[in-house]
Amino acid sequence: MNEAFVGRQPIFNRDLEFIGAELLYRDSRENRANITDASAASTSTVVTAFTEIGIDTLVGKKGVAYVNFAEDMLLSPNTD
């Protein structure tokens, strides 16, 4: 089985209660990203979070997941 990687940046409210996490693209155990294709990085992060690791594992049952998407993914019409 291949290893799956997603970075997490916790997000807290003003009372310092965990409310969610920004999910970050990672392609190795190193705590940094080598991004050459922003759309591919966004897609990889979402697919890995939901299918490989599990969103509940990453943010808990009540947490919210935040993901950065590449601008072209948000602005381009779906052609499929």
C-alpha atoms as a PDB file:
ATOM      1  CA  MET A   1       0.000   0.000   0.000  1.00  0.00           C
ATOM      2  CA  ASN A   2       1.281   3.472  -0.883  1.00  0.00           C
ATOM      3  CA  GLU A   3       1.583   6.163   1.743  1.00  0.00           C
ATOM      4  CA  ALA A   4      -0.832   9.079   1.550  1.00  0.00           C
ATOM      5  CA  PHE A   5       0.054  12.591   2.691  1.00  0.00           C
ATOM      6  CA  VAL A   6      -2.020  15.643   3.606  1.00  0.00           C
ATOM      7  CA  GLY A   7      -0.824  18.510   5.765  1.00  0.00           C
ATOM      8  CA  ARG A   8      -3.152  20.075   8.349  1.00  0.00           C
ATOM      9  CA  GLN A   9      -3.153  23.610   9.666  1.00  0.00           C
ATOM     10  CA  PRO A  10      -5.533  23.783  12.638  1.00  0.00           C
ATOM     11  CA  ILE A  11      -8.095  26.581  12.789  1.00  0.00           C
ATOM     12  CA  PHE A  12      -9.352  27.800  16.154  1.00  0.00           C
ATOM     13  CA  ASN A  13     -12.137  30.166  17.147  1.00  0.00           C
ATOM     14  CA  ARG A  14     -11.574  33.126  19.464  1.00  0.00           C
ATOM     15  CA  ASP A  15     -11.981  30.824  22.491  1.00  0.00           C
ATOM     16  CA  LEU A  16      -9.136  28.653  21.146  1.00  0.00           C
ATOM     17  CA  GLU A  17     -11.518  25.780  20.372  1.00  0.00           C
ATOM     18  CA  PHE A  18     -10.622  23.698  17.333  1.00  0.00           C
ATOM     19  CA  ILE A  19     -13.191  24.268  14.588  1.00  0.00           C
ATOM     20  CA  GLY A  20     -11.470  22.757  11.580  1.00  0.00           C
ATOM     21  CA  ALA A  21      -8.306  22.508   9.556  1.00  0.00           C
ATOM     22  CA  GLU A  22      -6.922  23.784   6.314  1.00  0.00           C
ATOM     23  CA  LEU A  23      -5.869  20.734   4.340  1.00  0.00           C
ATOM     24  CA  LEU A  24      -2.562  21.196   2.556  1.00  0.00           C
ATOM     25  CA  TYR A  25      -0.976  19.366  -0.350  1.00  0.00           C
ATOM     26  CA  ARG A  26       1.959  17.159   0.593  1.00  0.00           C
ATOM     27  CA  ASP A  27       3.715  14.543  -1.511  1.00  0.00           C
ATOM     28  CA  SER A  28       6.141  13.174   1.076  1.00  0.00           C
ATOM     29  CA  ARG A  29       6.891  13.060   4.788  1.00  0.00           C
ATOM     30  CA  GLU A  30       8.648  16.431   4.514  1.00  0.00           C
ATOM     31  CA  ASN A  31       6.579  19.280   5.951  1.00  0.00           C
ATOM     32  CA  ARG A  32       6.587  21.286   2.744  1.00  0.00           C
ATOM     33  CA  ALA A  33       5.023  21.145  -0.677  1.00  0.00           C
ATOM     34  CA  ASN A  34       6.715  21.009  -4.044  1.00  0.00           C
ATOM     35  CA  ILE A  35       3.907  22.312  -6.234  1.00  0.00           C
ATOM     36  CA  THR A  36       4.420  22.550  -9.969  1.00  0.00           C
ATOM     37  CA  ASP A  37       0.734  22.236 -10.919  1.00  0.00           C
ATOM     38  CA  ALA A  38      -1.710  23.955  -8.553  1.00  0.00           C
ATOM     39  CA  SER A  39      -4.764  22.197 -10.006  1.00  0.00           C
ATOM     40  CA  ALA A  40      -3.169  18.783  -9.608  1.00  0.00           C
ATOM     41  CA  ALA A  41      -2.157  19.654  -6.028  1.00  0.00           C
ATOM     42  CA  SER A  42      -5.732  20.708  -5.143  1.00  0.00           C
ATOM     43  CA  THR A  43      -7.171  17.566  -6.706  1.00  0.00           C
ATOM     44  CA  SER A  44      -4.635  15.345  -4.970  1.00  0.00           C
ATOM     45  CA  THR A  45      -5.393  16.925  -1.593  1.00  0.00           C
ATOM     46  CA  VAL A  46      -9.152  16.359  -1.897  1.00  0.00           C
ATOM     47  CA  VAL A  47      -8.869  12.819  -3.262  1.00  0.00           C
ATOM     48  CA  THR A  48      -6.331  11.791  -0.622  1.00  0.00           C
ATOM     49  CA  ALA A  49      -8.321  13.397   2.205  1.00  0.00           C
ATOM     50  CA  PHE A  50     -11.571  11.666   1.300  1.00  0.00           C
ATOM     51  CA  THR A  51     -10.496   8.316  -0.161  1.00  0.00           C
ATOM     52  CA  GLU A  52      -7.142   7.429   1.360  1.00  0.00           C
ATOM     53  CA  ILE A  53      -7.114   8.945   4.851  1.00  0.00           C
ATOM     54  CA  GLY A  54     -10.725   9.855   5.596  1.00  0.00           C
ATOM     55  CA  ILE A  55     -12.069  13.298   6.349  1.00  0.00           C
ATOM     56  CA  ASP A  56     -13.138  12.326   9.899  1.00  0.00           C
ATOM     57  CA  THR A  57      -9.563  11.293  10.637  1.00  0.00           C
ATOM     58  CA  LEU A  58      -8.273  14.662   9.467  1.00  0.00           C
ATOM     59  CA  VAL A  59     -10.785  17.071  11.035  1.00  0.00           C
ATOM     60  CA  GLY A  60     -13.030  14.980  13.290  1.00  0.00           C
ATOM     61  CA  LYS A  61     -16.763  14.540  13.048  1.00  0.00           C
ATOM     62  CA  LYS A  62     -17.543  18.172  13.919  1.00  0.00           C
ATOM     63  CA  GLY A  63     -14.569  19.854  12.257  1.00  0.00           C
ATOM     64  CA  VAL A  64     -14.656  21.680   8.954  1.00  0.00           C
ATOM     65  CA  ALA A  65     -12.159  21.039   6.169  1.00  0.00           C
ATOM     66  CA  TYR A  66     -10.828  24.022   4.218  1.00  0.00           C
ATOM     67  CA  VAL A  67      -8.993  23.405   0.951  1.00  0.00           C
ATOM     68  CA  ASN A  68      -7.285  25.908  -1.328  1.00  0.00           C
ATOM     69  CA  PHE A  69      -8.303  25.460  -4.935  1.00  0.00           C
ATOM     70  CA  ALA A  70      -6.397  26.700  -7.943  1.00  0.00           C
ATOM     71  CA  GLU A  71      -8.037  29.727  -9.568  1.00  0.00           C
ATOM     72  CA  ASP A  72      -8.550  27.933 -12.874  1.00  0.00           C
ATOM     73  CA  MET A  73     -10.505  25.170 -11.141  1.00  0.00           C
ATOM     74  CA  LEU A  74     -12.941  27.711  -9.707  1.00  0.00           C
ATOM     75  CA  LEU A  75     -13.333  29.858 -12.811  1.00  0.00           C
ATOM     76  CA  SER A  76     -13.295  27.319 -15.637  1.00  0.00           C
ATOM     77  CA  PRO A  77     -16.604  25.851 -16.777  1.00  0.00           C
ATOM     78  CA  ASN A  78     -16.956  22.103 -16.413  1.00  0.00           C
ATOM     79  CA  THR A  79     -16.414  20.596 -19.863  1.00  0.00           C
ATOM     80  CA  ASP A  80     -17.276  16.996 -18.979  1.00  0.00           C
END
